[in-house]
Amino acid sequence: MVNGMHEALHPSFREPFEVVLQRNKGEREFQQAVFEVMQSLAPIEGRRPEYSQWSVLQRVIEPERQIIFRVPWVDDDGKVHVNRGYRVEFSSVLGPYKGGLRFHPSVNLSIIKFLGFEQVFKNALTGMPIGGGKGGSDFDPKGRSDGEIMRFCQSFMTELHRHLGEYTDVPAGDIGVGGRELGYLFGQYKRITNRYESGVLTGKGLTWGGSQVRTEATGYGAVFFTEQMLRTRGQSMDGKQAVVSGSGNVAIHAIEKIHQLGGKVIACSDSSGYVVDERGIDLELLKEVKEVRRGRLLEYAQIRGNGVRLIEDGSIWDVPCQIALPCATQNELDERDAKQLLTNGLEAIAEGANMPCTTEATALFQSSDCLYGPGKAANAGGVATSALEMQQNASRDSWTFEKTESRLQEIMSSIHESCLETADEYGDPGNYVMGANLAGYIKVANAMVAMGVI
């Protein structure tokens, strides 16, 4: 895989990529994310050489700060556990570090670095004054009581708080970190600092500084971006059959918006398998099972009854669809899946998760007639609305749902336009991957050069 990656790069970037491999050994997710961006930089080699120089590229790739810490906590039986916490403060050249916290057993430094790296460009694309970062822990909240999760979050924030601030670093939620966890984290931050600094965390509850639409934003935004892509071909979401992987916050609200726009989602998934519901996913039942009961899709299938199939093995991407939104996790959709989707008539795919498609799958989509929206553009709605939450916190204001959703639509439309314009300017019309990578990279590099060698 590494040799193939080298060969796919412009000759000017092969040696720099080798340096990345050597300095970040074993960090496959981070290497993959860097490769994808480097692969898009060839067009600036001749036209914007000041941005393609290794002296600039190296500073974009290397995080400003990497924080790793111990998180000790006590379970309900009095047993002591120790997890590992991370915060990679990647780039503050455009604003305070901004990016979520992920609590999941798979979390390691490579995953946090790849997420932070993606976040830098994603945040740049929003046009909001925010830098990029990411954090989390290998703690698994599944099966833990509220008390155990509270004690873990308090221990996690006891260390992390010294690195945060509304002008320094502003975390949010991600996989395993929802409203409950953010509440415990914010409460501990407030207790330690003796300040009601509401702008230090986003994704907060509506009664204590949160923003309307923040919960829905990533899923809604991915669908808004998909709709924009379809419009370039004179189409819309109306009447389209869709498949959405995952069944967490992003997936649920992607399903909701697709249904509102006239499409029909017939399949979604969780770690136990996937359900196929030809009548269309019953959104209220899905929310009841996943958000209220914190249950599995088996319960959905049992309650929904006739016509619903629960499939415990195989791939959700075998289900024929015109629209695909991978909203679960990184590298969930591989080359085989991409081939199957294209064979079944896929028209558009937008990444609701971060880097859910493998390098090989991405290459297949890009070489086909299928519209392909990369994560750093398609799922930027979440962080964009987090920035709107920060704006409301700073002005002690609270916007309506309608106003906030309208702003989200405007931002996603602007991101879509920026991707298309940049791809067209650099000679590859319609290439959303190159457009997103170049638009974000040039904005970050421009600010970095302006500020000198720091």
Protein backbone atom coordinates (compact mmCIF):
# COMPACT_ATOMS: atom_id res chain seq x y z
CA MET A 1 0.00 0.00 0.00
CA VAL A 2 2.80 2.44 0.86
CA ASN A 3 4.57 1.86 -2.49
CA GLY A 4 1.33 2.44 -4.37
CA MET A 5 0.78 5.63 -2.42
CA HIS A 6 4.26 6.90 -3.36
CA GLU A 7 3.64 6.24 -7.05
CA ALA A 8 0.31 8.08 -6.93
CA LEU A 9 2.00 11.28 -5.72
CA HIS A 10 3.56 14.02 -7.82
CA PRO A 11 7.36 13.45 -7.83
CA SER A 12 7.89 16.64 -5.80
CA PHE A 13 5.91 15.19 -2.90
CA ARG A 14 7.33 11.67 -2.75
CA GLU A 15 10.33 12.53 -0.59
CA PRO A 16 8.25 14.68 1.82
CA PHE A 17 5.76 11.82 2.14
CA GLU A 18 8.61 9.46 2.98
CA VAL A 19 9.57 11.83 5.80
CA VAL A 20 5.97 11.69 7.04
CA LEU A 21 6.10 7.88 7.03
CA GLN A 22 9.37 7.81 8.97
CA ARG A 23 8.34 10.41 11.56
CA ASN A 24 4.91 8.84 12.12
CA LYS A 25 5.69 5.12 11.99
CA GLY A 26 2.74 2.80 12.37
CA GLU A 27 0.22 5.65 12.27
CA ARG A 28 -1.70 4.35 9.27
CA GLU A 29 -4.77 6.58 9.59
CA PHE A 30 -2.66 9.71 9.86
CA GLN A 31 -0.47 8.64 6.93
CA GLN A 32 -3.60 8.01 4.86
CA ALA A 33 -5.02 11.46 5.63
CA VAL A 34 -1.75 13.21 4.76
CA PHE A 35 -1.45 11.20 1.53
CA GLU A 36 -4.92 12.25 0.41
CA VAL A 37 -4.08 15.92 0.85
CA MET A 38 -0.63 15.61 -0.75
CA GLN A 39 -2.21 13.86 -3.71
CA SER A 40 -4.29 17.00 -4.34
CA LEU A 41 -1.39 19.46 -4.18
CA ALA A 42 0.20 18.73 -7.57
CA PRO A 43 -1.64 21.61 -9.33
CA ILE A 44 -0.07 24.26 -7.06
CA GLU A 45 3.49 23.01 -7.68
CA GLY A 46 3.90 25.22 -10.73
CA ARG A 47 1.32 27.94 -10.02
CA ARG A 48 1.74 28.59 -6.28
CA PRO A 49 5.25 27.31 -5.49
CA GLU A 50 5.43 29.31 -2.25
CA TYR A 51 2.74 27.01 -0.81
CA SER A 52 4.12 23.70 -2.10
CA GLN A 53 7.55 24.15 -0.50
CA TRP A 54 8.47 21.57 2.15
CA SER A 55 9.15 24.39 4.63
CA VAL A 56 5.43 25.27 4.49
CA LEU A 57 4.02 21.78 3.98
CA GLN A 58 6.00 20.42 6.92
CA ARG A 59 4.50 23.03 9.27
CA VAL A 60 1.00 22.23 8.03
CA ILE A 61 1.52 18.50 8.63
CA GLU A 62 3.24 18.65 12.04
CA PRO A 63 0.85 19.34 14.96
CA GLU A 64 1.62 22.38 17.09
CA ARG A 65 1.11 20.34 20.24
CA GLN A 66 0.32 16.73 21.18
CA ILE A 67 -0.96 16.07 24.68
CA ILE A 68 -1.23 12.52 26.11
CA PHE A 69 -2.31 11.94 29.69
CA ARG A 70 -3.48 9.36 32.21
CA VAL A 71 -7.18 9.25 33.15
CA PRO A 72 -7.77 7.28 36.38
CA TRP A 73 -11.37 6.67 37.51
CA VAL A 74 -13.35 4.41 39.84
CA ASP A 75 -16.25 2.20 38.71
CA ASP A 76 -19.43 1.48 40.68
CA ASP A 77 -17.80 -1.51 42.38
CA GLY A 78 -14.88 0.56 43.63
CA LYS A 79 -12.41 -0.82 41.08
CA VAL A 80 -9.82 1.60 39.71
CA HIS A 81 -9.40 1.88 35.95
CA VAL A 82 -6.81 3.83 33.97
CA ASN A 83 -7.46 5.04 30.44
CA ARG A 84 -5.37 7.20 28.14
CA GLY A 85 -6.47 10.69 27.15
CA TYR A 86 -5.40 12.68 24.09
CA ARG A 87 -5.64 16.22 22.75
CA VAL A 88 -3.81 17.05 19.53
CA GLU A 89 -3.82 20.83 19.05
CA PHE A 90 -3.01 20.77 15.36
CA SER A 91 -3.21 24.32 14.04
CA SER A 92 -4.22 27.67 15.48
CA VAL A 93 -3.24 29.75 12.45
CA LEU A 94 -6.89 30.62 11.66
CA GLY A 95 -8.24 30.71 15.21
CA PRO A 96 -8.46 28.71 18.45
CA TYR A 97 -8.09 24.95 18.11
CA LYS A 98 -11.54 23.50 17.37
CA GLY A 99 -12.56 19.86 17.15
CA GLY A 100 -14.37 17.13 19.00
CA LEU A 101 -13.59 14.58 21.68
CA ARG A 102 -14.04 10.88 20.89
CA PHE A 103 -14.52 8.19 23.57
CA HIS A 104 -14.10 4.77 21.95
CA PRO A 105 -11.85 1.71 22.51
CA SER A 106 -10.25 2.21 19.07
CA VAL A 107 -8.88 5.65 19.94
CA ASN A 108 -5.11 5.99 19.63
CA LEU A 109 -2.66 8.72 18.66
CA SER A 110 -2.84 7.94 14.93
CA ILE A 111 -6.63 8.30 14.85
CA ILE A 112 -6.60 11.52 16.85
CA LYS A 113 -3.87 12.99 14.62
CA PHE A 114 -5.71 12.06 11.42
CA LEU A 115 -8.92 13.57 12.78
CA GLY A 116 -7.09 16.74 13.86
CA PHE A 117 -5.38 17.05 10.47
CA GLU A 118 -8.72 16.69 8.64
CA GLN A 119 -10.25 19.20 11.04
CA VAL A 120 -7.76 21.91 10.08
CA PHE A 121 -8.93 21.95 6.46
CA LYS A 122 -12.57 21.31 7.26
CA ASN A 123 -12.64 24.29 9.58
CA ALA A 124 -10.85 26.44 7.01
CA LEU A 125 -13.55 25.57 4.45
CA THR A 126 -16.32 26.86 6.71
CA GLY A 127 -14.94 30.39 6.46
CA MET A 128 -15.21 30.71 10.25
CA PRO A 129 -12.23 31.91 12.37
CA ILE A 130 -11.34 28.55 13.89
CA GLY A 131 -8.22 26.37 13.88
CA GLY A 132 -8.14 22.59 14.08
CA GLY A 133 -7.65 20.00 16.80
CA LYS A 134 -9.05 16.72 18.09
CA GLY A 135 -9.03 14.70 21.28
CA GLY A 136 -10.49 11.79 23.15
CA SER A 137 -9.78 8.60 25.03
CA ASP A 138 -9.82 4.81 24.62
CA PHE A 139 -12.57 4.75 27.28
CA ASP A 140 -15.70 2.82 26.22
CA PRO A 141 -18.92 4.39 27.53
CA LYS A 142 -21.06 1.44 26.38
CA GLY A 143 -22.52 -0.45 29.31
CA ARG A 144 -21.30 2.08 31.86
CA SER A 145 -23.62 3.73 34.36
CA ASP A 146 -24.22 7.47 34.42
CA GLY A 147 -22.14 7.64 37.60
CA GLU A 148 -19.18 5.87 36.01
CA ILE A 149 -19.32 8.10 32.94
CA MET A 150 -19.53 11.18 35.17
CA ARG A 151 -16.47 10.14 37.17
CA PHE A 152 -14.51 9.40 34.00
CA CYS A 153 -15.44 12.76 32.44
CA GLN A 154 -14.50 14.61 35.62
CA SER A 155 -11.10 12.91 35.72
CA PHE A 156 -10.56 13.57 32.00
CA MET A 157 -11.39 17.27 32.36
CA THR A 158 -9.29 17.65 35.51
CA GLU A 159 -6.23 17.21 33.32
CA LEU A 160 -7.49 18.68 30.05
CA HIS A 161 -8.88 21.94 31.48
CA ARG A 162 -5.43 23.54 31.75
CA HIS A 163 -5.11 23.41 27.96
CA LEU A 164 -8.56 24.85 27.12
CA GLY A 165 -10.10 28.29 26.76
CA GLU A 166 -12.50 30.10 24.42
CA TYR A 167 -9.51 31.81 22.76
CA THR A 168 -7.21 28.77 23.03
CA ASP A 169 -8.90 25.42 22.45
CA VAL A 170 -12.63 24.67 22.19
CA PRO A 171 -13.61 20.96 22.14
CA ALA A 172 -16.98 19.51 21.18
CA GLY A 173 -18.49 16.03 21.01
CA ASP A 174 -17.77 13.15 18.65
CA ILE A 175 -18.31 9.37 18.79
CA GLY A 176 -19.15 8.40 22.38
CA VAL A 177 -19.40 12.01 23.55
CA GLY A 178 -22.94 13.37 23.43
CA GLY A 179 -24.99 15.76 25.52
CA ARG A 180 -24.59 13.73 28.73
CA GLU A 181 -20.80 13.58 28.49
CA LEU A 182 -20.48 17.24 27.48
CA GLY A 183 -22.57 18.21 30.49
CA TYR A 184 -20.25 16.37 32.87
CA LEU A 185 -17.17 17.80 31.14
CA PHE A 186 -18.45 21.38 31.23
CA GLY A 187 -19.54 21.05 34.85
CA GLN A 188 -16.06 19.96 35.91
CA TYR A 189 -14.42 22.73 33.85
CA LYS A 190 -16.68 25.31 35.51
CA ARG A 191 -15.99 23.90 38.96
CA ILE A 192 -12.20 23.89 38.52
CA THR A 193 -11.88 27.31 36.88
CA ASN A 194 -14.62 29.09 38.86
CA ARG A 195 -15.77 30.68 35.57
CA TYR A 196 -18.92 30.27 33.50
CA GLU A 197 -16.94 30.33 30.28
CA SER A 198 -19.67 28.99 28.01
CA GLY A 199 -17.58 29.38 24.84
CA VAL A 200 -15.04 26.77 25.99
CA LEU A 201 -17.16 23.79 24.84
CA THR A 202 -19.70 23.44 22.05
CA GLY A 203 -22.57 21.02 21.66
CA LYS A 204 -23.91 22.15 25.05
CA GLY A 205 -27.52 21.72 26.13
CA LEU A 206 -29.95 24.41 25.00
CA THR A 207 -30.66 25.47 28.59
CA TRP A 208 -27.00 26.16 29.38
CA GLY A 209 -25.45 27.88 26.40
CA GLY A 210 -26.02 25.50 23.51
CA SER A 211 -27.20 26.32 20.02
CA GLN A 212 -30.24 25.26 18.09
CA VAL A 213 -29.42 22.85 15.22
CA ARG A 214 -26.04 21.82 16.71
CA THR A 215 -27.31 18.30 17.37
CA GLU A 216 -28.66 18.01 13.83
CA ALA A 217 -25.90 19.96 12.07
CA THR A 218 -23.47 17.27 10.85
CA GLY A 219 -26.19 15.02 9.44
CA TYR A 220 -28.21 17.90 8.01
CA GLY A 221 -25.09 19.48 6.53
CA ALA A 222 -24.04 16.27 4.74
CA VAL A 223 -27.46 16.08 3.12
CA PHE A 224 -27.41 19.78 2.17
CA PHE A 225 -24.04 19.17 0.50
CA THR A 226 -25.39 16.12 -1.33
CA GLU A 227 -28.36 18.14 -2.54
CA GLN A 228 -25.99 20.81 -3.86
CA MET A 229 -24.00 18.17 -5.75
CA LEU A 230 -27.19 16.74 -7.29
CA ARG A 231 -28.27 20.20 -8.42
CA THR A 232 -25.19 20.46 -10.63
CA ARG A 233 -26.87 17.72 -12.71
CA GLY A 234 -30.35 19.16 -12.52
CA GLN A 235 -31.48 16.64 -9.90
CA SER A 236 -32.65 16.69 -6.27
CA MET A 237 -33.05 14.30 -3.36
CA ASP A 238 -36.74 13.85 -4.14
CA GLY A 239 -37.56 10.24 -5.01
CA LYS A 240 -34.03 8.93 -4.42
CA GLN A 241 -33.40 5.72 -2.47
CA ALA A 242 -30.63 6.10 0.10
CA VAL A 243 -28.51 4.04 2.48
CA VAL A 244 -26.94 5.62 5.58
CA SER A 245 -24.40 3.70 7.63
CA GLY A 246 -24.38 4.16 11.39
CA SER A 247 -27.34 4.93 13.63
CA GLY A 248 -25.86 7.53 15.96
CA ASN A 249 -26.40 11.26 15.99
CA VAL A 250 -25.00 11.99 12.51
CA ALA A 251 -26.81 9.12 10.83
CA ILE A 252 -30.15 9.81 12.51
CA HIS A 253 -30.23 13.44 11.42
CA ALA A 254 -29.00 12.62 7.93
CA ILE A 255 -31.94 10.21 7.65
CA GLU A 256 -34.28 12.89 8.97
CA LYS A 257 -33.19 15.50 6.41
CA ILE A 258 -33.24 13.04 3.49
CA HIS A 259 -36.85 12.20 4.36
CA GLN A 260 -37.73 15.90 4.63
CA LEU A 261 -36.31 16.47 1.15
CA GLY A 262 -38.34 13.64 -0.36
CA GLY A 263 -35.82 10.81 -0.37
CA LYS A 264 -36.21 7.43 1.31
CA VAL A 265 -33.57 5.80 3.51
CA ILE A 266 -34.01 2.04 3.51
CA ALA A 267 -31.00 0.86 5.56
CA CYS A 268 -28.84 1.89 8.52
CA SER A 269 -26.39 0.05 10.76
CA ASP A 270 -24.65 -0.32 14.09
CA SER A 271 -21.82 -2.51 15.36
CA SER A 272 -24.13 -5.54 15.51
CA GLY A 273 -25.15 -5.43 11.83
CA TYR A 274 -27.60 -3.54 9.65
CA VAL A 275 -31.35 -3.36 9.03
CA VAL A 276 -33.10 -3.12 5.68
CA ASP A 277 -36.54 -1.52 5.85
CA GLU A 278 -38.03 -1.22 2.36
CA ARG A 279 -40.85 0.98 3.67
CA GLY A 280 -38.25 3.52 4.75
CA ILE A 281 -36.56 3.77 8.15
CA ASP A 282 -39.07 4.74 10.86
CA LEU A 283 -37.20 7.71 12.28
CA GLU A 284 -39.19 8.09 15.48
CA LEU A 285 -38.73 4.41 16.33
CA LEU A 286 -35.01 4.62 15.52
CA LYS A 287 -34.64 7.62 17.84
CA GLU A 288 -36.55 5.80 20.58
CA VAL A 289 -34.31 2.73 20.32
CA LYS A 290 -30.95 4.48 19.92
CA GLU A 291 -31.30 7.76 21.83
CA VAL A 292 -33.76 6.92 24.63
CA ARG A 293 -33.16 3.21 25.26
CA ARG A 294 -29.53 3.25 24.04
CA GLY A 295 -30.38 -0.08 22.45
CA ARG A 296 -29.37 -2.05 19.34
CA LEU A 297 -30.93 -2.34 15.90
CA LEU A 298 -32.21 -5.80 16.85
CA GLU A 299 -34.83 -3.98 18.96
CA TYR A 300 -35.75 -1.79 15.99
CA ALA A 301 -36.28 -4.86 13.79
CA GLN A 302 -38.34 -6.66 16.45
CA ILE A 303 -40.63 -3.68 17.07
CA ARG A 304 -40.96 -2.63 13.42
CA GLY A 305 -41.95 -6.17 12.45
CA ASN A 306 -42.85 -7.46 9.02
CA GLY A 307 -40.68 -6.51 6.09
CA VAL A 308 -37.61 -5.53 8.15
CA ARG A 309 -34.48 -7.63 7.80
CA LEU A 310 -31.67 -7.58 10.37
CA ILE A 311 -28.40 -8.76 8.81
CA GLU A 312 -25.62 -9.50 11.26
CA ASP A 313 -22.82 -10.10 8.75
CA GLY A 314 -22.03 -8.80 5.29
CA SER A 315 -21.94 -5.15 4.29
CA ILE A 316 -24.63 -2.49 4.34
CA TRP A 317 -23.18 -1.28 1.03
CA ASP A 318 -24.60 -4.38 -0.69
CA VAL A 319 -28.04 -2.74 -0.42
CA PRO A 320 -28.88 -1.08 -3.79
CA CYS A 321 -29.24 2.69 -3.56
CA GLN A 322 -28.80 5.90 -5.52
CA ILE A 323 -27.48 7.91 -2.55
CA ALA A 324 -24.95 6.64 0.03
CA LEU A 325 -23.94 8.46 3.20
CA PRO A 326 -21.27 6.65 5.26
CA CYS A 327 -21.82 8.12 8.73
CA ALA A 328 -20.20 5.54 11.03
CA THR A 329 -16.40 5.61 11.27
CA GLN A 330 -13.11 5.74 9.36
CA ASN A 331 -12.35 3.21 6.59
CA GLU A 332 -15.75 1.53 6.86
CA LEU A 333 -16.24 1.45 3.08
CA ASP A 334 -13.60 -0.43 1.10
CA GLU A 335 -12.86 -1.15 -2.57
CA ARG A 336 -15.23 -4.13 -2.73
CA ASP A 337 -18.03 -2.03 -1.25
CA ALA A 338 -17.37 0.79 -3.72
CA LYS A 339 -17.54 -1.63 -6.67
CA GLN A 340 -20.83 -3.04 -5.41
CA LEU A 341 -22.37 0.40 -4.92
CA LEU A 342 -21.36 1.51 -8.41
CA THR A 343 -22.64 -1.74 -9.94
CA ASN A 344 -25.98 -1.13 -8.19
CA GLY A 345 -26.35 2.32 -9.74
CA LEU A 346 -24.95 4.72 -7.13
CA GLU A 347 -25.34 8.35 -8.21
CA ALA A 348 -23.89 10.28 -5.26
CA ILE A 349 -21.96 9.63 -2.06
CA ALA A 350 -21.16 12.12 0.69
CA GLU A 351 -19.03 11.33 3.73
CA GLY A 352 -20.90 12.05 6.94
CA ALA A 353 -18.07 10.44 8.93
CA ASN A 354 -14.38 11.38 8.79
CA MET A 355 -12.45 9.44 6.11
CA PRO A 356 -14.99 6.56 5.95
CA CYS A 357 -13.76 5.47 2.51
CA THR A 358 -10.46 3.70 2.05
CA THR A 359 -7.90 5.11 -0.41
CA GLU A 360 -8.86 2.44 -2.95
CA ALA A 361 -12.58 3.14 -2.61
CA THR A 362 -12.00 6.87 -3.02
CA ALA A 363 -10.02 6.25 -6.22
CA LEU A 364 -12.88 4.17 -7.64
CA PHE A 365 -15.49 6.81 -6.90
CA GLN A 366 -13.35 9.53 -8.42
CA SER A 367 -12.78 7.53 -11.62
CA SER A 368 -16.53 6.92 -12.03
CA ASP A 369 -19.42 9.19 -12.97
CA CYS A 370 -20.62 9.15 -9.36
CA LEU A 371 -20.68 12.43 -7.42
CA TYR A 372 -18.31 12.14 -4.45
CA GLY A 373 -18.29 14.60 -1.53
CA PRO A 374 -15.27 14.14 0.79
CA GLY A 375 -15.74 14.40 4.55
CA LYS A 376 -13.81 17.61 5.10
CA ALA A 377 -16.42 19.35 2.92
CA ALA A 378 -19.55 17.24 3.31
CA ASN A 379 -19.54 16.88 7.11
CA ALA A 380 -18.31 20.38 7.97
CA GLY A 381 -21.80 21.37 9.08
CA GLY A 382 -21.19 20.21 12.64
CA VAL A 383 -18.15 22.35 13.31
CA ALA A 384 -19.68 25.25 11.39
CA THR A 385 -22.64 25.24 13.77
CA SER A 386 -20.24 24.90 16.69
CA ALA A 387 -18.67 28.16 15.51
CA LEU A 388 -22.16 29.67 15.38
CA GLU A 389 -22.63 28.47 18.98
CA MET A 390 -19.39 30.22 19.94
CA GLN A 391 -20.68 33.38 18.23
CA GLN A 392 -23.92 33.25 20.22
CA ASN A 393 -22.01 32.62 23.47
CA ALA A 394 -19.73 35.60 22.83
CA SER A 395 -22.68 37.94 22.23
CA ARG A 396 -24.84 36.42 25.01
CA ASP A 397 -27.45 35.71 22.34
CA SER A 398 -29.65 32.77 21.30
CA TRP A 399 -30.89 32.24 17.75
CA THR A 400 -34.03 30.45 16.57
CA PHE A 401 -33.88 27.03 14.94
CA GLU A 402 -34.92 28.53 11.62
CA LYS A 403 -32.23 31.23 11.64
CA THR A 404 -29.50 28.76 12.60
CA GLU A 405 -30.53 26.18 10.02
CA SER A 406 -30.60 28.92 7.38
CA ARG A 407 -27.03 29.91 8.28
CA LEU A 408 -25.99 26.24 8.11
CA GLN A 409 -27.46 25.95 4.62
CA GLU A 410 -25.62 29.09 3.54
CA ILE A 411 -22.31 27.76 4.88
CA MET A 412 -22.72 24.34 3.21
CA SER A 413 -23.63 26.07 -0.07
CA SER A 414 -20.54 28.26 0.25
CA ILE A 415 -18.32 25.22 0.91
CA HIS A 416 -19.77 23.47 -2.13
CA GLU A 417 -19.17 26.54 -4.29
CA SER A 418 -15.61 26.91 -2.99
CA CYS A 419 -14.82 23.26 -3.81
CA LEU A 420 -16.16 23.56 -7.35
CA GLU A 421 -14.51 26.92 -8.05
CA THR A 422 -11.11 25.73 -6.78
CA ALA A 423 -11.28 22.46 -8.73
CA ASP A 424 -12.17 24.42 -11.86
CA GLU A 425 -9.42 26.98 -11.29
CA TYR A 426 -6.77 24.27 -10.95
CA GLY A 427 -7.83 22.30 -13.99
CA ASP A 428 -9.99 19.44 -12.71
CA PRO A 429 -13.66 20.55 -12.89
CA GLY A 430 -16.05 18.60 -10.68
CA ASN A 431 -13.31 17.04 -8.52
CA TYR A 432 -14.65 17.76 -5.03
CA VAL A 433 -11.71 16.01 -3.33
CA MET A 434 -9.10 18.19 -5.00
CA GLY A 435 -11.27 21.27 -4.63
CA ALA A 436 -11.79 20.75 -0.90
CA ASN A 437 -8.16 19.89 -0.19
CA LEU A 438 -6.71 22.77 -2.20
CA ALA A 439 -9.19 25.38 -0.97
CA GLY A 440 -8.51 24.46 2.66
CA TYR A 441 -4.76 24.04 2.24
CA ILE A 442 -4.24 27.37 0.44
CA LYS A 443 -6.17 29.27 3.11
CA VAL A 444 -4.14 27.68 5.92
CA ALA A 445 -0.80 28.04 4.08
CA ASN A 446 -1.51 31.67 3.21
CA ALA A 447 -2.05 32.58 6.87
CA MET A 448 0.96 30.51 7.92
CA VAL A 449 3.30 32.28 5.48
CA ALA A 450 1.94 35.66 6.55
CA MET A 451 2.75 34.99 10.22
CA GLY A 452 6.35 33.93 9.65
CA VAL A 453 8.14 30.82 10.85
CA ILE A 454 6.27 29.93 14.03
